[in-house]
């Protein structure tokens, strides 16, 4: 799959293992599968884990508005919680 440098970087985030994925814009952040991030899902800041990387997302398949990720966590500090 080729990358379009002008296209937004979208990643799939899972909040709880059994919930469906939600998609968020990662802007310039380099996010990989397994990274923990903080985003606002409409219910306030929420911690979630990247389950789909930006190169795996087909932008043409997304139909809902995409919110941005607030910040990336240090994965080591999240696993200690």
PDB file of N, CA and C in Angstrom:
ATOM      1  N   UNK A   1       0.858  -1.178   0.000  1.00  0.00           N
ATOM      2  CA  UNK A   1       0.000   0.000   0.000  1.00  0.00           C
ATOM      3  C   UNK A   1       0.898   1.232   0.000  1.00  0.00           C
ATOM      4  N   UNK A   2       0.628   2.164  -0.874  1.00  0.00           N
ATOM      5  CA  UNK A   2       1.430   3.378  -0.935  1.00  0.00           C
ATOM      6  C   UNK A   2       0.902   4.410   0.041  1.00  0.00           C
ATOM      7  N   UNK A   3       1.782   5.246   0.519  1.00  0.00           N
ATOM      8  CA  UNK A   3       1.415   6.262   1.502  1.00  0.00           C
ATOM      9  C   UNK A   3       1.264   7.611   0.820  1.00  0.00           C
ATOM     10  N   UNK A   4       0.205   8.332   1.157  1.00  0.00           N
ATOM     11  CA  UNK A   4      -0.001   9.686   0.671  1.00  0.00           C
ATOM     12  C   UNK A   4       0.406  10.623   1.795  1.00  0.00           C
ATOM     13  N   UNK A   5       1.458  11.409   1.590  1.00  0.00           N
ATOM     14  CA  UNK A   5       1.981  12.270   2.654  1.00  0.00           C
ATOM     15  C   UNK A   5       0.995  13.342   3.087  1.00  0.00           C
ATOM     16  N   UNK A   6       0.029  13.696   2.224  1.00  0.00           N
ATOM     17  CA  UNK A   6      -0.943  14.722   2.561  1.00  0.00           C
ATOM     18  C   UNK A   6      -2.168  14.159   3.276  1.00  0.00           C
ATOM     19  N   UNK A   7      -2.343  12.857   3.238  1.00  0.00           N
ATOM     20  CA  UNK A   7      -3.504  12.236   3.877  1.00  0.00           C
ATOM     21  C   UNK A   7      -3.318  12.224   5.390  1.00  0.00           C
ATOM     22  N   UNK A   8      -4.406  12.368   6.145  1.00  0.00           N
ATOM     23  CA  UNK A   8      -4.284  12.298   7.606  1.00  0.00           C
ATOM     24  C   UNK A   8      -3.863  10.902   8.038  1.00  0.00           C
ATOM     25  N   UNK A   9      -3.105  10.827   9.117  1.00  0.00           N
ATOM     26  CA  UNK A   9      -2.684   9.528   9.663  1.00  0.00           C
ATOM     27  C   UNK A   9      -3.743   9.087  10.658  1.00  0.00           C
ATOM     28  N   UNK A  10      -4.452   8.033  10.320  1.00  0.00           N
ATOM     29  CA  UNK A  10      -5.547   7.519  11.146  1.00  0.00           C
ATOM     30  C   UNK A  10      -5.138   6.173  11.714  1.00  0.00           C
ATOM     31  N   UNK A  11      -5.409   5.952  13.006  1.00  0.00           N
ATOM     32  CA  UNK A  11      -5.129   4.666  13.648  1.00  0.00           C
ATOM     33  C   UNK A  11      -6.397   4.156  14.312  1.00  0.00           C
ATOM     34  N   UNK A  12      -6.483   2.831  14.458  1.00  0.00           N
ATOM     35  CA  UNK A  12      -7.601   2.209  15.167  1.00  0.00           C
ATOM     36  C   UNK A  12      -7.230   1.999  16.623  1.00  0.00           C
ATOM     37  N   UNK A  13      -8.096   2.469  17.524  1.00  0.00           N
ATOM     38  CA  UNK A  13      -7.839   2.397  18.966  1.00  0.00           C
ATOM     39  C   UNK A  13      -8.888   1.500  19.618  1.00  0.00           C
ATOM     40  N   UNK A  14      -8.428   0.660  20.540  1.00  0.00           N
ATOM     41  CA  UNK A  14      -9.341  -0.177  21.326  1.00  0.00           C
ATOM     42  C   UNK A  14      -9.244   0.286  22.776  1.00  0.00           C
ATOM     43  N   UNK A  15     -10.402   0.592  23.363  1.00  0.00           N
ATOM     44  CA  UNK A  15     -10.440   1.051  24.760  1.00  0.00           C
ATOM     45  C   UNK A  15     -10.508  -0.123  25.716  1.00  0.00           C
ATOM     46  N   UNK A  16     -11.368  -1.070  25.422  1.00  0.00           N
ATOM     47  CA  UNK A  16     -11.524  -2.291  26.215  1.00  0.00           C
ATOM     48  C   UNK A  16     -11.510  -3.436  25.222  1.00  0.00           C
ATOM     49  N   UNK A  17     -10.951  -4.560  25.616  1.00  0.00           N
ATOM     50  CA  UNK A  17     -10.751  -5.668  24.688  1.00  0.00           C
ATOM     51  C   UNK A  17     -12.013  -6.089  23.932  1.00  0.00           C
ATOM     52  N   UNK A  18     -13.178  -5.991  24.557  1.00  0.00           N
ATOM     53  CA  UNK A  18     -14.391  -6.470  23.902  1.00  0.00           C
ATOM     54  C   UNK A  18     -15.144  -5.391  23.133  1.00  0.00           C
ATOM     55  N   UNK A  19     -14.736  -4.146  23.236  1.00  0.00           N
ATOM     56  CA  UNK A  19     -15.408  -3.058  22.526  1.00  0.00           C
ATOM     57  C   UNK A  19     -14.929  -2.985  21.088  1.00  0.00           C
ATOM     58  N   UNK A  20     -15.768  -2.456  20.187  1.00  0.00           N
ATOM     59  CA  UNK A  20     -15.316  -2.268  18.805  1.00  0.00           C
ATOM     60  C   UNK A  20     -14.243  -1.182  18.737  1.00  0.00           C
ATOM     61  N   UNK A  21     -13.467  -1.219  17.662  1.00  0.00           N
ATOM     62  CA  UNK A  21     -12.435  -0.210  17.447  1.00  0.00           C
ATOM     63  C   UNK A  21     -13.054   1.142  17.147  1.00  0.00           C
ATOM     64  N   UNK A  22     -12.341   2.185  17.521  1.00  0.00           N
ATOM     65  CA  UNK A  22     -12.689   3.545  17.126  1.00  0.00           C
ATOM     66  C   UNK A  22     -11.452   4.120  16.445  1.00  0.00           C
ATOM     67  N   UNK A  23     -11.672   5.024  15.512  1.00  0.00           N
ATOM     68  CA  UNK A  23     -10.565   5.571  14.737  1.00  0.00           C
ATOM     69  C   UNK A  23     -10.289   7.015  15.138  1.00  0.00           C
ATOM     70  N   UNK A  24      -8.988   7.336  15.234  1.00  0.00           N
ATOM     71  CA  UNK A  24      -8.534   8.656  15.645  1.00  0.00           C
ATOM     72  C   UNK A  24      -7.390   9.093  14.757  1.00  0.00           C
ATOM     73  N   UNK A  25      -7.254  10.400  14.598  1.00  0.00           N
ATOM     74  CA  UNK A  25      -6.164  10.961  13.808  1.00  0.00           C
ATOM     75  C   UNK A  25      -4.934  11.089  14.699  1.00  0.00           C
ATOM     76  N   UNK A  26      -3.799  10.584  14.200  1.00  0.00           N
ATOM     77  CA  UNK A  26      -2.579  10.608  15.010  1.00  0.00           C
ATOM     78  C   UNK A  26      -1.666  11.779  14.678  1.00  0.00           C
ATOM     79  N   UNK A  27      -2.059  12.642  13.727  1.00  0.00           N
ATOM     80  CA  UNK A  27      -1.259  13.805  13.328  1.00  0.00           C
ATOM     81  C   UNK A  27       0.179  13.379  13.024  1.00  0.00           C
ATOM     82  N   UNK A  28       1.130  14.012  13.647  1.00  0.00           N
ATOM     83  CA  UNK A  28       2.538  13.713  13.363  1.00  0.00           C
ATOM     84  C   UNK A  28       3.117  12.657  14.307  1.00  0.00           C
ATOM     85  N   UNK A  29       2.313  12.152  15.239  1.00  0.00           N
ATOM     86  CA  UNK A  29       2.816  11.165  16.185  1.00  0.00           C
ATOM     87  C   UNK A  29       3.081   9.840  15.478  1.00  0.00           C
ATOM     88  N   UNK A  30       4.220   9.229  15.760  1.00  0.00           N
ATOM     89  CA  UNK A  30       4.559   7.932  15.189  1.00  0.00           C
ATOM     90  C   UNK A  30       4.005   6.858  16.124  1.00  0.00           C
ATOM     91  N   UNK A  31       2.859   6.296  15.774  1.00  0.00           N
ATOM     92  CA  UNK A  31       2.211   5.309  16.623  1.00  0.00           C
ATOM     93  C   UNK A  31       2.279   3.932  15.989  1.00  0.00           C
ATOM     94  N   UNK A  32       2.563   2.945  16.836  1.00  0.00           N
ATOM     95  CA  UNK A  32       2.638   1.561  16.388  1.00  0.00           C
ATOM     96  C   UNK A  32       1.600   0.730  17.146  1.00  0.00           C
ATOM     97  N   UNK A  33       1.284  -0.430  16.607  1.00  0.00           N
ATOM     98  CA  UNK A  33       0.364  -1.340  17.287  1.00  0.00           C
ATOM     99  C   UNK A  33       0.924  -1.646  18.678  1.00  0.00           C
ATOM    100  N   UNK A  34       0.068  -1.541  19.682  1.00  0.00           N
ATOM    101  CA  UNK A  34       0.470  -1.785  21.061  1.00  0.00           C
ATOM    102  C   UNK A  34       0.750  -0.526  21.856  1.00  0.00           C
ATOM    103  N   UNK A  35       0.952   0.611  21.181  1.00  0.00           N
ATOM    104  CA  UNK A  35       1.187   1.870  21.895  1.00  0.00           C
ATOM    105  C   UNK A  35      -0.063   2.299  22.643  1.00  0.00           C
ATOM    106  N   UNK A  36       0.115   2.875  23.819  1.00  0.00           N
ATOM    107  CA  UNK A  36      -0.988   3.420  24.609  1.00  0.00           C
ATOM    108  C   UNK A  36      -1.087   4.911  24.360  1.00  0.00           C
ATOM    109  N   UNK A  37      -2.310   5.394  24.215  1.00  0.00           N
ATOM    110  CA  UNK A  37      -2.548   6.808  23.925  1.00  0.00           C
ATOM    111  C   UNK A  37      -3.699   7.329  24.776  1.00  0.00           C
ATOM    112  N   UNK A  38      -3.773   8.640  24.870  1.00  0.00           N
ATOM    113  CA  UNK A  38      -4.868   9.313  25.563  1.00  0.00           C
ATOM    114  C   UNK A  38      -5.637  10.111  24.526  1.00  0.00           C
ATOM    115  N   UNK A  39      -6.944   9.922  24.479  1.00  0.00           N
ATOM    116  CA  UNK A  39      -7.763  10.671  23.541  1.00  0.00           C
ATOM    117  C   UNK A  39      -9.089  10.992  24.186  1.00  0.00           C
ATOM    118  N   UNK A  40      -9.826  11.923  23.589  1.00  0.00           N
ATOM    119  CA  UNK A  40     -11.154  12.277  24.078  1.00  0.00           C
ATOM    120  C   UNK A  40     -12.165  11.600  23.169  1.00  0.00           C
ATOM    121  N   UNK A  41     -12.883  10.617  23.685  1.00  0.00           N
ATOM    122  CA  UNK A  41     -13.847   9.869  22.879  1.00  0.00           C
ATOM    123  C   UNK A  41     -15.253  10.458  22.984  1.00  0.00           C
ATOM    124  N   UNK A  42     -15.365  11.660  23.524  1.00  0.00           N
ATOM    125  CA  UNK A  42     -16.664  12.297  23.700  1.00  0.00           C
ATOM    126  C   UNK A  42     -17.162  12.206  25.132  1.00  0.00           C
ATOM    127  N   UNK A  43     -16.524  11.357  25.935  1.00  0.00           N
ATOM    128  CA  UNK A  43     -16.869  11.193  27.349  1.00  0.00           C
ATOM    129  C   UNK A  43     -15.740  11.656  28.252  1.00  0.00           C
ATOM    130  N   UNK A  44     -14.845  12.478  27.705  1.00  0.00           N
ATOM    131  CA  UNK A  44     -13.694  12.937  28.460  1.00  0.00           C
ATOM    132  C   UNK A  44     -12.456  12.152  28.064  1.00  0.00           C
ATOM    133  N   UNK A  45     -11.294  12.529  28.600  1.00  0.00           N
ATOM    134  CA  UNK A  45     -10.053  11.835  28.258  1.00  0.00           C
ATOM    135  C   UNK A  45     -10.117  10.354  28.630  1.00  0.00           C
ATOM    136  N   UNK A  46      -9.705   9.502  27.697  1.00  0.00           N
ATOM    137  CA  UNK A  46      -9.762   8.052  27.875  1.00  0.00           C
ATOM    138  C   UNK A  46      -8.488   7.422  27.349  1.00  0.00           C
ATOM    139  N   UNK A  47      -7.987   6.437  28.082  1.00  0.00           N
ATOM    140  CA  UNK A  47      -6.787   5.709  27.679  1.00  0.00           C
ATOM    141  C   UNK A  47      -7.189   4.553  26.763  1.00  0.00           C
ATOM    142  N   UNK A  48      -6.431   4.356  25.675  1.00  0.00           N
ATOM    143  CA  UNK A  48      -6.694   3.259  24.762  1.00  0.00           C
ATOM    144  C   UNK A  48      -5.403   2.764  24.146  1.00  0.00           C
ATOM    145  N   UNK A  49      -5.497   1.629  23.446  1.00  0.00           N
ATOM    146  CA  UNK A  49      -4.310   1.023  22.853  1.00  0.00           C
ATOM    147  C   UNK A  49      -4.466   0.932  21.343  1.00  0.00           C
ATOM    148  N   UNK A  50      -3.394   1.268  20.616  1.00  0.00           N
ATOM    149  CA  UNK A  50      -3.416   1.198  19.154  1.00  0.00           C
ATOM    150  C   UNK A  50      -3.537  -0.269  18.738  1.00  0.00           C
ATOM    151  N   UNK A  51      -4.580  -0.569  17.945  1.00  0.00           N
ATOM    152  CA  UNK A  51      -4.815  -1.929  17.468  1.00  0.00           C
ATOM    153  C   UNK A  51      -4.637  -2.045  15.956  1.00  0.00           C
ATOM    154  N   UNK A  52      -4.749  -0.909  15.251  1.00  0.00           N
ATOM    155  CA  UNK A  52      -4.545  -0.876  13.797  1.00  0.00           C
ATOM    156  C   UNK A  52      -3.655   0.327  13.491  1.00  0.00           C
ATOM    157  N   UNK A  53      -2.544   0.076  12.807  1.00  0.00           N
ATOM    158  CA  UNK A  53      -1.629   1.168  12.480  1.00  0.00           C
ATOM    159  C   UNK A  53      -2.153   1.984  11.297  1.00  0.00           C
ATOM    160  N   UNK A  54      -1.578   3.171  11.120  1.00  0.00           N
ATOM    161  CA  UNK A  54      -2.067   4.087  10.085  1.00  0.00           C
ATOM    162  C   UNK A  54      -1.917   3.514   8.679  1.00  0.00           C
ATOM    163  N   UNK A  55      -0.922   2.661   8.443  1.00  0.00           N
ATOM    164  CA  UNK A  55      -0.759   2.104   7.102  1.00  0.00           C
ATOM    165  C   UNK A  55      -1.730   0.966   6.814  1.00  0.00           C
ATOM    166  N   UNK A  56      -2.527   0.563   7.805  1.00  0.00           N
ATOM    167  CA  UNK A  56      -3.523  -0.487   7.616  1.00  0.00           C
ATOM    168  C   UNK A  56      -4.939   0.060   7.442  1.00  0.00           C
ATOM    169  N   UNK A  57      -5.118   1.377   7.550  1.00  0.00           N
ATOM    170  CA  UNK A  57      -6.445   1.993   7.494  1.00  0.00           C
ATOM    171  C   UNK A  57      -6.727   2.494   6.087  1.00  0.00           C
ATOM    172  N   UNK A  58      -7.881   2.114   5.537  1.00  0.00           N
ATOM    173  CA  UNK A  58      -8.328   2.627   4.246  1.00  0.00           C
ATOM    174  C   UNK A  58      -9.210   3.835   4.507  1.00  0.00           C
ATOM    175  N   UNK A  59      -8.717   5.029   4.192  1.00  0.00           N
ATOM    176  CA  UNK A  59      -9.460   6.256   4.467  1.00  0.00           C
ATOM    177  C   UNK A  59     -10.808   6.276   3.773  1.00  0.00           C
ATOM    178  N   UNK A  60     -10.903   5.667   2.611  1.00  0.00           N
ATOM    179  CA  UNK A  60     -12.161   5.671   1.869  1.00  0.00           C
ATOM    180  C   UNK A  60     -13.254   4.876   2.573  1.00  0.00           C
ATOM    181  N   UNK A  61     -12.886   4.010   3.509  1.00  0.00           N
ATOM    182  CA  UNK A  61     -13.858   3.180   4.226  1.00  0.00           C
ATOM    183  C   UNK A  61     -14.413   3.876   5.466  1.00  0.00           C
ATOM    184  N   UNK A  62     -13.796   4.982   5.899  1.00  0.00           N
ATOM    185  CA  UNK A  62     -14.222   5.681   7.106  1.00  0.00           C
ATOM    186  C   UNK A  62     -15.320   6.683   6.765  1.00  0.00           C
ATOM    187  N   UNK A  63     -16.416   6.624   7.513  1.00  0.00           N
ATOM    188  CA  UNK A  63     -17.551   7.497   7.221  1.00  0.00           C
ATOM    189  C   UNK A  63     -17.868   8.467   8.349  1.00  0.00           C
ATOM    190  N   UNK A  64     -17.255   8.316   9.501  1.00  0.00           N
ATOM    191  CA  UNK A  64     -17.581   9.167  10.642  1.00  0.00           C
ATOM    192  C   UNK A  64     -16.507  10.238  10.828  1.00  0.00           C
ATOM    193  N   UNK A  65     -16.828  11.320  11.546  1.00  0.00           N
ATOM    194  CA  UNK A  65     -15.802  12.333  11.843  1.00  0.00           C
ATOM    195  C   UNK A  65     -14.690  11.711  12.690  1.00  0.00           C
ATOM    196  N   UNK A  66     -13.469  12.123  12.461  1.00  0.00           N
ATOM    197  CA  UNK A  66     -12.310  11.565  13.155  1.00  0.00           C
ATOM    198  C   UNK A  66     -11.757  12.606  14.121  1.00  0.00           C
ATOM    199  N   UNK A  67     -11.651  12.230  15.393  1.00  0.00           N
ATOM    200  CA  UNK A  67     -11.073  13.110  16.412  1.00  0.00           C
ATOM    201  C   UNK A  67      -9.578  12.852  16.519  1.00  0.00           C
ATOM    202  N   UNK A  68      -8.872  13.770  17.157  1.00  0.00           N
ATOM    203  CA  UNK A  68      -7.433  13.643  17.306  1.00  0.00           C
ATOM    204  C   UNK A  68      -7.033  12.990  18.619  1.00  0.00           C
ATOM    205  N   UNK A  69      -5.866  12.402  18.621  1.00  0.00           N
ATOM    206  CA  UNK A  69      -5.273  11.809  19.831  1.00  0.00           C
ATOM    207  C   UNK A  69      -4.610  12.927  20.622  1.00  0.00           C
ATOM    208  N   UNK A  70      -4.797  12.918  21.944  1.00  0.00           N
ATOM    209  CA  UNK A  70      -4.227  13.960  22.784  1.00  0.00           C
ATOM    210  C   UNK A  70      -2.734  13.759  23.015  1.00  0.00           C
ATOM    211  N   UNK A  71      -2.333  12.538  23.389  1.00  0.00           N
ATOM    212  CA  UNK A  71      -0.924  12.272  23.667  1.00  0.00           C
ATOM    213  C   UNK A  71      -0.655  10.779  23.642  1.00  0.00           C
ATOM    214  N   UNK A  72       0.615  10.423  23.532  1.00  0.00           N
ATOM    215  CA  UNK A  72       1.065   9.031  23.589  1.00  0.00           C
ATOM    216  C   UNK A  72       1.674   8.789  24.960  1.00  0.00           C
ATOM    217  N   UNK A  73       1.372   7.618  25.553  1.00  0.00           N
ATOM    218  CA  UNK A  73       1.954   7.237  26.839  1.00  0.00           C
ATOM    219  C   UNK A  73       3.248   6.473  26.629  1.00  0.00           C
ATOM    220  N   UNK A  74       4.092   6.489  27.643  1.00  0.00           N
ATOM    221  CA  UNK A  74       5.242   5.604  27.695  1.00  0.00           C
ATOM    222  C   UNK A  74       4.693   4.214  28.012  1.00  0.00           C
ATOM    223  N   UNK A  75       4.870   3.254  27.104  1.00  0.00           N
ATOM    224  CA  UNK A  75       4.278   1.923  27.280  1.00  0.00           C
ATOM    225  C   UNK A  75       4.695   1.260  28.582  1.00  0.00           C
ATOM    226  N   UNK A  76       5.908   1.487  29.056  1.00  0.00           N
ATOM    227  CA  UNK A  76       6.360   0.880  30.303  1.00  0.00           C
ATOM    228  C   UNK A  76       5.578   1.394  31.504  1.00  0.00           C
ATOM    229  N   UNK A  77       5.248   2.674  31.527  1.00  0.00           N
ATOM    230  CA  UNK A  77       4.503   3.225  32.663  1.00  0.00           C
ATOM    231  C   UNK A  77       3.067   2.731  32.677  1.00  0.00           C
ATOM    232  N   UNK A  78       2.474   2.468  31.505  1.00  0.00           N
ATOM    233  CA  UNK A  78       1.102   1.978  31.429  1.00  0.00           C
ATOM    234  C   UNK A  78       1.019   0.550  31.942  1.00  0.00           C
ATOM    235  N   UNK A  79       1.983  -0.305  31.596  1.00  0.00           N
ATOM    236  CA  UNK A  79       1.931  -1.703  32.011  1.00  0.00           C
ATOM    237  C   UNK A  79       2.169  -1.861  33.503  1.00  0.00           C
ATOM    238  N   UNK A  80       2.753  -0.862  34.174  1.00  0.00           N
ATOM    239  CA  UNK A  80       2.975  -0.934  35.617  1.00  0.00           C
ATOM    240  C   UNK A  80       1.737  -0.578  36.412  1.00  0.00           C
ATOM    241  N   UNK A  81       0.729   0.047  35.757  1.00  0.00           N
ATOM    242  CA  UNK A  81      -0.486   0.479  36.464  1.00  0.00           C
ATOM    243  C   UNK A  81      -1.343  -0.697  36.844  1.00  0.00           C
TER     244      UNK A  81
END
